[in-house]
């Protein structure tokens, strides 16, 4: 990445690397003078891509009698604390659906 000038004070900015609470690494610029922090669109796109991958779970739909079922991956059950949940609500959306614990 090329060297950036601070939009606030016009001084030079340094490239830094950090992590989100979920562990997604990202880079950003911080001003050496005033402390202003900025991310470029490319940096934001990289973080968004990582989050999309982090949130993606592939499951298989299986026919159970006249209905269909899907298995929820163990790590998602742990993450969302579903191990003690006995019932879920399925809410249809414009595209797809949302599954919410009762």
N, C-alpha and C. Protein backbone atom coordinates (compact mmCIF):
# COMPACT_ATOMS: atom_id res chain seq x y z
N UNK A 1 0.83 -1.18 0.00
CA UNK A 1 0.00 0.00 0.00
C UNK A 1 0.87 1.25 0.00
N UNK A 2 0.43 2.24 -0.73
CA UNK A 2 1.22 3.46 -0.78
C UNK A 2 1.03 4.29 0.49
N UNK A 3 1.99 5.15 0.75
CA UNK A 3 1.96 5.99 1.94
C UNK A 3 0.80 6.97 1.85
N UNK A 4 0.10 7.16 2.96
CA UNK A 4 -1.06 8.04 3.02
C UNK A 4 -0.73 9.30 3.78
N UNK A 5 -1.47 10.38 3.43
CA UNK A 5 -1.41 11.63 4.18
C UNK A 5 -2.68 11.74 5.01
N UNK A 6 -2.57 12.24 6.20
CA UNK A 6 -3.72 12.38 7.10
C UNK A 6 -4.71 13.39 6.53
N UNK A 7 -6.00 13.04 6.47
CA UNK A 7 -7.00 13.98 5.96
C UNK A 7 -7.27 15.13 6.93
N UNK A 8 -6.85 14.99 8.20
CA UNK A 8 -7.08 16.02 9.21
C UNK A 8 -5.93 17.02 9.26
N UNK A 9 -4.69 16.52 9.36
CA UNK A 9 -3.55 17.42 9.56
C UNK A 9 -2.50 17.35 8.44
N UNK A 10 -2.71 16.51 7.46
CA UNK A 10 -1.82 16.34 6.29
C UNK A 10 -0.45 15.75 6.61
N UNK A 11 -0.24 15.25 7.80
CA UNK A 11 1.02 14.59 8.15
C UNK A 11 0.99 13.15 7.65
N UNK A 12 2.13 12.46 7.78
CA UNK A 12 2.20 11.09 7.27
C UNK A 12 1.48 10.11 8.20
N UNK A 13 0.99 9.04 7.58
CA UNK A 13 0.27 8.01 8.32
C UNK A 13 1.04 6.71 8.22
N UNK A 14 0.96 5.91 9.28
CA UNK A 14 1.64 4.61 9.32
C UNK A 14 0.60 3.50 9.17
N UNK A 15 0.99 2.42 8.52
CA UNK A 15 0.14 1.26 8.37
C UNK A 15 0.25 0.40 9.62
N UNK A 16 -0.88 0.07 10.23
CA UNK A 16 -0.93 -0.77 11.43
C UNK A 16 -1.79 -1.99 11.15
N UNK A 17 -1.63 -3.01 11.96
CA UNK A 17 -2.43 -4.23 11.85
C UNK A 17 -3.04 -4.52 13.21
N UNK A 18 -4.31 -4.93 13.21
CA UNK A 18 -5.01 -5.25 14.45
C UNK A 18 -5.94 -6.43 14.20
N UNK A 19 -6.70 -6.84 15.21
CA UNK A 19 -7.66 -7.93 15.10
C UNK A 19 -8.99 -7.49 15.69
N UNK A 20 -10.08 -7.97 15.10
CA UNK A 20 -11.41 -7.75 15.67
C UNK A 20 -11.56 -8.71 16.85
N UNK A 21 -12.59 -8.53 17.69
CA UNK A 21 -12.81 -9.47 18.80
C UNK A 21 -12.98 -10.92 18.34
N UNK A 22 -13.44 -11.12 17.09
CA UNK A 22 -13.61 -12.47 16.55
C UNK A 22 -12.32 -13.04 15.99
N UNK A 23 -11.25 -12.25 15.99
CA UNK A 23 -9.96 -12.73 15.51
C UNK A 23 -9.65 -12.44 14.05
N UNK A 24 -10.48 -11.61 13.41
CA UNK A 24 -10.24 -11.25 12.00
C UNK A 24 -9.17 -10.16 11.95
N UNK A 25 -8.06 -10.46 11.26
CA UNK A 25 -6.98 -9.47 11.12
C UNK A 25 -7.38 -8.41 10.10
N UNK A 26 -6.99 -7.18 10.37
CA UNK A 26 -7.21 -6.10 9.40
C UNK A 26 -6.10 -5.07 9.54
N UNK A 27 -5.89 -4.32 8.45
CA UNK A 27 -4.89 -3.26 8.47
C UNK A 27 -5.60 -1.92 8.36
N UNK A 28 -4.97 -0.89 8.88
CA UNK A 28 -5.53 0.46 8.84
C UNK A 28 -4.39 1.46 8.93
N UNK A 29 -4.69 2.71 8.68
CA UNK A 29 -3.69 3.77 8.76
C UNK A 29 -3.95 4.61 9.99
N UNK A 30 -2.86 4.99 10.69
CA UNK A 30 -2.97 5.90 11.83
C UNK A 30 -1.99 7.04 11.63
N UNK A 31 -2.45 8.26 11.92
CA UNK A 31 -1.60 9.44 11.75
C UNK A 31 -0.55 9.49 12.85
N UNK A 32 0.68 9.74 12.47
CA UNK A 32 1.78 9.83 13.43
C UNK A 32 1.68 11.09 14.28
N UNK A 33 0.93 12.08 13.82
CA UNK A 33 0.83 13.35 14.52
C UNK A 33 -0.44 13.47 15.37
N UNK A 34 -1.61 13.41 14.71
CA UNK A 34 -2.86 13.67 15.44
C UNK A 34 -3.58 12.41 15.91
N UNK A 35 -3.15 11.23 15.43
CA UNK A 35 -3.77 9.97 15.87
C UNK A 35 -5.00 9.55 15.08
N UNK A 36 -5.37 10.30 14.04
CA UNK A 36 -6.52 9.94 13.20
C UNK A 36 -6.31 8.55 12.62
N UNK A 37 -7.38 7.72 12.62
CA UNK A 37 -7.31 6.37 12.08
C UNK A 37 -8.29 6.25 10.93
N UNK A 38 -7.84 5.65 9.81
CA UNK A 38 -8.72 5.43 8.66
C UNK A 38 -8.46 4.07 8.04
N UNK A 39 -9.49 3.56 7.37
CA UNK A 39 -9.38 2.34 6.58
C UNK A 39 -9.75 2.69 5.16
N UNK A 40 -9.05 2.13 4.21
CA UNK A 40 -9.39 2.33 2.80
C UNK A 40 -10.53 1.37 2.44
N UNK A 41 -11.17 1.62 1.31
CA UNK A 41 -12.23 0.72 0.86
C UNK A 41 -11.71 -0.69 0.65
N UNK A 42 -10.49 -0.81 0.15
CA UNK A 42 -9.90 -2.14 -0.06
C UNK A 42 -9.73 -2.87 1.28
N UNK A 43 -9.29 -2.13 2.31
CA UNK A 43 -9.13 -2.73 3.63
C UNK A 43 -10.49 -3.17 4.18
N UNK A 44 -11.52 -2.33 4.01
CA UNK A 44 -12.87 -2.67 4.48
C UNK A 44 -13.41 -3.89 3.74
N UNK A 45 -13.18 -3.98 2.45
CA UNK A 45 -13.63 -5.12 1.66
C UNK A 45 -12.99 -6.41 2.14
N UNK A 46 -11.72 -6.36 2.49
CA UNK A 46 -11.02 -7.55 3.01
C UNK A 46 -11.64 -8.01 4.32
N UNK A 47 -11.94 -7.07 5.22
CA UNK A 47 -12.56 -7.41 6.50
C UNK A 47 -13.95 -8.00 6.27
N UNK A 48 -14.74 -7.38 5.38
CA UNK A 48 -16.08 -7.87 5.08
C UNK A 48 -16.03 -9.29 4.52
N UNK A 49 -15.07 -9.56 3.65
CA UNK A 49 -14.93 -10.90 3.06
C UNK A 49 -14.63 -11.93 4.15
N UNK A 50 -13.74 -11.59 5.07
CA UNK A 50 -13.41 -12.49 6.18
C UNK A 50 -14.65 -12.77 7.03
N UNK A 51 -15.45 -11.72 7.33
CA UNK A 51 -16.66 -11.91 8.13
C UNK A 51 -17.67 -12.78 7.42
N UNK A 52 -17.81 -12.62 6.09
CA UNK A 52 -18.74 -13.47 5.34
C UNK A 52 -18.32 -14.93 5.45
N UNK A 53 -17.04 -15.20 5.34
CA UNK A 53 -16.54 -16.57 5.46
C UNK A 53 -16.72 -17.10 6.88
N UNK A 54 -16.52 -16.23 7.86
CA UNK A 54 -16.66 -16.61 9.26
C UNK A 54 -18.09 -17.01 9.57
N UNK A 55 -19.05 -16.36 8.94
CA UNK A 55 -20.47 -16.58 9.21
C UNK A 55 -21.08 -17.70 8.36
N UNK A 56 -20.32 -18.29 7.45
CA UNK A 56 -20.88 -19.26 6.53
C UNK A 56 -20.77 -20.67 7.11
N UNK A 57 -21.89 -21.38 7.07
CA UNK A 57 -21.92 -22.78 7.46
C UNK A 57 -22.64 -23.55 6.36
N UNK A 58 -22.04 -24.61 5.88
CA UNK A 58 -22.69 -25.44 4.87
C UNK A 58 -23.36 -26.61 5.57
N UNK A 59 -24.65 -26.80 5.27
CA UNK A 59 -25.41 -27.92 5.84
C UNK A 59 -26.13 -28.64 4.71
N UNK A 60 -26.48 -29.88 4.96
CA UNK A 60 -27.22 -30.66 3.98
C UNK A 60 -28.67 -30.80 4.43
N UNK A 61 -29.57 -30.67 3.48
CA UNK A 61 -30.99 -30.85 3.74
C UNK A 61 -31.31 -32.32 3.52
N UNK A 62 -32.00 -32.94 4.47
CA UNK A 62 -32.33 -34.36 4.41
C UNK A 62 -33.83 -34.55 4.56
N UNK A 63 -34.40 -35.42 3.76
CA UNK A 63 -35.84 -35.70 3.85
C UNK A 63 -36.09 -36.62 5.04
N UNK A 64 -37.02 -36.20 5.92
CA UNK A 64 -37.43 -36.99 7.08
C UNK A 64 -38.94 -37.18 6.97
N UNK A 65 -39.39 -38.27 6.42
CA UNK A 65 -40.83 -38.49 6.22
C UNK A 65 -41.35 -37.50 5.19
N UNK A 66 -42.36 -36.72 5.57
CA UNK A 66 -42.93 -35.71 4.67
C UNK A 66 -42.24 -34.35 4.85
N UNK A 67 -41.33 -34.23 5.79
CA UNK A 67 -40.64 -32.97 6.08
C UNK A 67 -39.18 -33.05 5.69
N UNK A 68 -38.48 -31.95 5.87
CA UNK A 68 -37.05 -31.90 5.63
C UNK A 68 -36.37 -31.42 6.90
N UNK A 69 -35.14 -31.88 7.10
CA UNK A 69 -34.39 -31.46 8.27
C UNK A 69 -32.96 -31.11 7.89
N UNK A 70 -32.33 -30.35 8.77
CA UNK A 70 -30.92 -30.03 8.57
C UNK A 70 -30.22 -30.15 9.92
N UNK A 71 -28.98 -30.55 9.86
CA UNK A 71 -28.18 -30.65 11.08
C UNK A 71 -27.43 -29.35 11.27
N UNK A 72 -27.36 -28.91 12.52
CA UNK A 72 -26.65 -27.68 12.85
C UNK A 72 -25.25 -28.08 13.31
N UNK A 73 -24.21 -27.54 12.68
CA UNK A 73 -22.83 -27.90 13.06
C UNK A 73 -22.55 -27.62 14.54
N UNK A 74 -21.79 -28.54 15.15
CA UNK A 74 -21.49 -28.48 16.58
C UNK A 74 -20.89 -27.14 17.00
N UNK A 75 -19.94 -26.59 16.21
CA UNK A 75 -19.32 -25.33 16.61
C UNK A 75 -20.32 -24.17 16.57
N UNK A 76 -21.32 -24.23 15.68
CA UNK A 76 -22.35 -23.21 15.65
C UNK A 76 -23.28 -23.35 16.86
N UNK A 77 -23.59 -24.58 17.24
CA UNK A 77 -24.41 -24.82 18.43
C UNK A 77 -23.73 -24.24 19.66
N UNK A 78 -22.41 -24.47 19.78
CA UNK A 78 -21.66 -23.92 20.91
C UNK A 78 -21.63 -22.40 20.87
N UNK A 79 -21.31 -21.85 19.69
CA UNK A 79 -21.19 -20.40 19.53
C UNK A 79 -22.49 -19.69 19.88
N UNK A 80 -23.63 -20.23 19.45
CA UNK A 80 -24.93 -19.60 19.67
C UNK A 80 -25.63 -20.12 20.93
N UNK A 81 -24.93 -20.98 21.69
CA UNK A 81 -25.46 -21.54 22.94
C UNK A 81 -26.83 -22.22 22.74
N UNK A 82 -26.90 -23.06 21.72
CA UNK A 82 -28.14 -23.76 21.39
C UNK A 82 -28.25 -25.12 22.07
N UNK A 83 -27.22 -25.55 22.80
CA UNK A 83 -27.22 -26.90 23.37
C UNK A 83 -28.34 -27.13 24.38
N UNK A 84 -28.87 -26.07 24.99
CA UNK A 84 -29.96 -26.22 25.97
C UNK A 84 -31.30 -25.76 25.40
N UNK A 85 -31.31 -25.34 24.13
CA UNK A 85 -32.53 -24.86 23.48
C UNK A 85 -33.32 -26.06 22.97
N UNK A 86 -34.62 -26.09 23.25
CA UNK A 86 -35.46 -27.20 22.82
C UNK A 86 -36.27 -26.87 21.56
N UNK A 87 -36.45 -25.57 21.27
CA UNK A 87 -37.29 -25.18 20.15
C UNK A 87 -36.71 -23.96 19.44
N UNK A 88 -36.84 -23.94 18.12
CA UNK A 88 -36.41 -22.82 17.29
C UNK A 88 -37.59 -22.34 16.46
N UNK A 89 -37.59 -21.07 16.10
CA UNK A 89 -38.62 -20.51 15.23
C UNK A 89 -37.97 -20.20 13.89
N UNK A 90 -38.63 -20.58 12.79
CA UNK A 90 -38.14 -20.26 11.45
C UNK A 90 -38.97 -19.10 10.93
N UNK A 91 -38.29 -18.00 10.57
CA UNK A 91 -38.95 -16.79 10.09
C UNK A 91 -38.59 -16.62 8.61
N UNK A 92 -39.58 -16.74 7.72
CA UNK A 92 -39.30 -16.53 6.29
C UNK A 92 -38.91 -15.08 6.02
N UNK A 93 -37.94 -14.88 5.13
CA UNK A 93 -37.50 -13.54 4.74
C UNK A 93 -37.63 -13.44 3.23
N UNK A 94 -37.35 -12.26 2.65
CA UNK A 94 -37.44 -12.11 1.19
C UNK A 94 -36.56 -13.13 0.50
N UNK A 95 -35.34 -13.29 1.00
CA UNK A 95 -34.42 -14.29 0.47
C UNK A 95 -34.00 -15.17 1.64
N UNK A 96 -34.42 -16.42 1.62
CA UNK A 96 -34.03 -17.35 2.69
C UNK A 96 -34.92 -17.24 3.92
N UNK A 97 -34.35 -17.58 5.06
CA UNK A 97 -35.09 -17.52 6.32
C UNK A 97 -34.12 -17.30 7.46
N UNK A 98 -34.67 -16.94 8.61
CA UNK A 98 -33.90 -16.74 9.82
C UNK A 98 -34.36 -17.76 10.84
N UNK A 99 -33.44 -18.34 11.59
CA UNK A 99 -33.76 -19.32 12.62
C UNK A 99 -33.41 -18.70 13.97
N UNK A 100 -34.43 -18.64 14.86
CA UNK A 100 -34.26 -17.94 16.14
C UNK A 100 -34.66 -18.87 17.28
N UNK A 101 -33.84 -18.97 18.35
CA UNK A 101 -34.23 -19.78 19.50
C UNK A 101 -35.43 -19.17 20.22
N UNK A 102 -36.31 -20.03 20.75
CA UNK A 102 -37.49 -19.58 21.51
C UNK A 102 -37.11 -19.42 22.96
